[in-house]
């Protein structure tokens, strides 16, 4: 993904989950297309999602 234009990429600590950060849906689609082409050329199959960051702090609710 880094070669394909993400600002940053990471991997989850508990599984085969990777993620990349981009600005905007159009950019996400372009990066995804390039990345999928690389993955599929190696004979691998993946599940992928394009999601939006929540970009808000934590919400706490006190219950009596």
C-alpha atoms as a PDB file:
ATOM      1  CA  UNK A   1       0.000   0.000   0.000  1.00  0.00           C
ATOM      2  CA  UNK A   2       2.850   2.386   0.712  1.00  0.00           C
ATOM      3  CA  UNK A   3       4.008   2.031  -2.899  1.00  0.00           C
ATOM      4  CA  UNK A   4       0.463   2.768  -4.024  1.00  0.00           C
ATOM      5  CA  UNK A   5       0.040   6.110  -2.283  1.00  0.00           C
ATOM      6  CA  UNK A   6      -1.204   5.758   1.295  1.00  0.00           C
ATOM      7  CA  UNK A   7       0.001   8.271   3.898  1.00  0.00           C
ATOM      8  CA  UNK A   8       0.654   5.470   6.353  1.00  0.00           C
ATOM      9  CA  UNK A   9       0.004   1.754   6.742  1.00  0.00           C
ATOM     10  CA  UNK A  10      -0.188  -0.654   9.639  1.00  0.00           C
ATOM     11  CA  UNK A  11      -0.918  -4.217  10.654  1.00  0.00           C
ATOM     12  CA  UNK A  12      -3.091  -5.444  13.505  1.00  0.00           C
ATOM     13  CA  UNK A  13      -1.357  -7.361  16.248  1.00  0.00           C
ATOM     14  CA  UNK A  14      -3.866 -10.223  16.317  1.00  0.00           C
ATOM     15  CA  UNK A  15      -4.433 -11.234  12.760  1.00  0.00           C
ATOM     16  CA  UNK A  16      -3.915 -10.727   9.109  1.00  0.00           C
ATOM     17  CA  UNK A  17      -5.466  -7.259   9.116  1.00  0.00           C
ATOM     18  CA  UNK A  18      -3.680  -4.402   7.390  1.00  0.00           C
ATOM     19  CA  UNK A  19      -4.842  -0.842   6.890  1.00  0.00           C
ATOM     20  CA  UNK A  20      -3.821   2.293   5.068  1.00  0.00           C
ATOM     21  CA  UNK A  21      -4.683   5.950   5.549  1.00  0.00           C
ATOM     22  CA  UNK A  22      -5.628   8.153   2.593  1.00  0.00           C
ATOM     23  CA  UNK A  23      -7.593  11.342   2.062  1.00  0.00           C
ATOM     24  CA  UNK A  24     -10.916  10.829   0.331  1.00  0.00           C
ATOM     25  CA  UNK A  25     -12.964   8.043  -1.173  1.00  0.00           C
ATOM     26  CA  UNK A  26     -11.601   8.460  -4.710  1.00  0.00           C
ATOM     27  CA  UNK A  27      -8.024   8.076  -3.509  1.00  0.00           C
ATOM     28  CA  UNK A  28      -9.038   5.041  -1.456  1.00  0.00           C
ATOM     29  CA  UNK A  29     -10.539   3.380  -4.555  1.00  0.00           C
ATOM     30  CA  UNK A  30      -7.383   4.029  -6.603  1.00  0.00           C
ATOM     31  CA  UNK A  31      -5.088   2.665  -3.903  1.00  0.00           C
ATOM     32  CA  UNK A  32      -7.352  -0.342  -3.388  1.00  0.00           C
ATOM     33  CA  UNK A  33      -7.374  -1.186  -7.107  1.00  0.00           C
ATOM     34  CA  UNK A  34      -3.574  -1.097  -7.318  1.00  0.00           C
ATOM     35  CA  UNK A  35      -3.129  -3.036  -4.088  1.00  0.00           C
ATOM     36  CA  UNK A  36      -5.670  -5.697  -5.089  1.00  0.00           C
ATOM     37  CA  UNK A  37      -3.906  -6.188  -8.417  1.00  0.00           C
ATOM     38  CA  UNK A  38      -0.643  -6.892  -6.571  1.00  0.00           C
ATOM     39  CA  UNK A  39      -2.290  -9.260  -4.092  1.00  0.00           C
ATOM     40  CA  UNK A  40      -4.255 -11.171  -6.714  1.00  0.00           C
ATOM     41  CA  UNK A  41      -1.179 -11.538  -8.934  1.00  0.00           C
ATOM     42  CA  UNK A  42       0.252 -13.646  -6.107  1.00  0.00           C
ATOM     43  CA  UNK A  43      -2.824 -15.903  -6.094  1.00  0.00           C
ATOM     44  CA  UNK A  44      -4.199 -14.540  -2.832  1.00  0.00           C
ATOM     45  CA  UNK A  45      -7.791 -13.647  -2.056  1.00  0.00           C
ATOM     46  CA  UNK A  46      -8.731 -10.944   0.435  1.00  0.00           C
ATOM     47  CA  UNK A  47     -11.724  -9.286   2.047  1.00  0.00           C
ATOM     48  CA  UNK A  48     -11.515  -5.501   2.027  1.00  0.00           C
ATOM     49  CA  UNK A  49     -13.449  -2.503   3.289  1.00  0.00           C
ATOM     50  CA  UNK A  50     -13.199   1.214   2.686  1.00  0.00           C
ATOM     51  CA  UNK A  51     -14.279   2.999   5.842  1.00  0.00           C
ATOM     52  CA  UNK A  52     -14.288   6.509   7.203  1.00  0.00           C
ATOM     53  CA  UNK A  53     -12.439   7.381  10.394  1.00  0.00           C
ATOM     54  CA  UNK A  54     -14.652   8.248  13.352  1.00  0.00           C
ATOM     55  CA  UNK A  55     -12.437  11.256  14.107  1.00  0.00           C
ATOM     56  CA  UNK A  56     -14.067  11.985  17.470  1.00  0.00           C
ATOM     57  CA  UNK A  57     -12.914  11.387  20.975  1.00  0.00           C
ATOM     58  CA  UNK A  58     -14.301   8.838  23.358  1.00  0.00           C
ATOM     59  CA  UNK A  59     -17.883   9.163  24.561  1.00  0.00           C
ATOM     60  CA  UNK A  60     -18.470   8.294  28.208  1.00  0.00           C
ATOM     61  CA  UNK A  61     -21.877   7.888  29.746  1.00  0.00           C
ATOM     62  CA  UNK A  62     -22.194   7.702  33.500  1.00  0.00           C
ATOM     63  CA  UNK A  63     -24.967   5.505  34.854  1.00  0.00           C
ATOM     64  CA  UNK A  64     -26.200   5.761  38.423  1.00  0.00           C
END
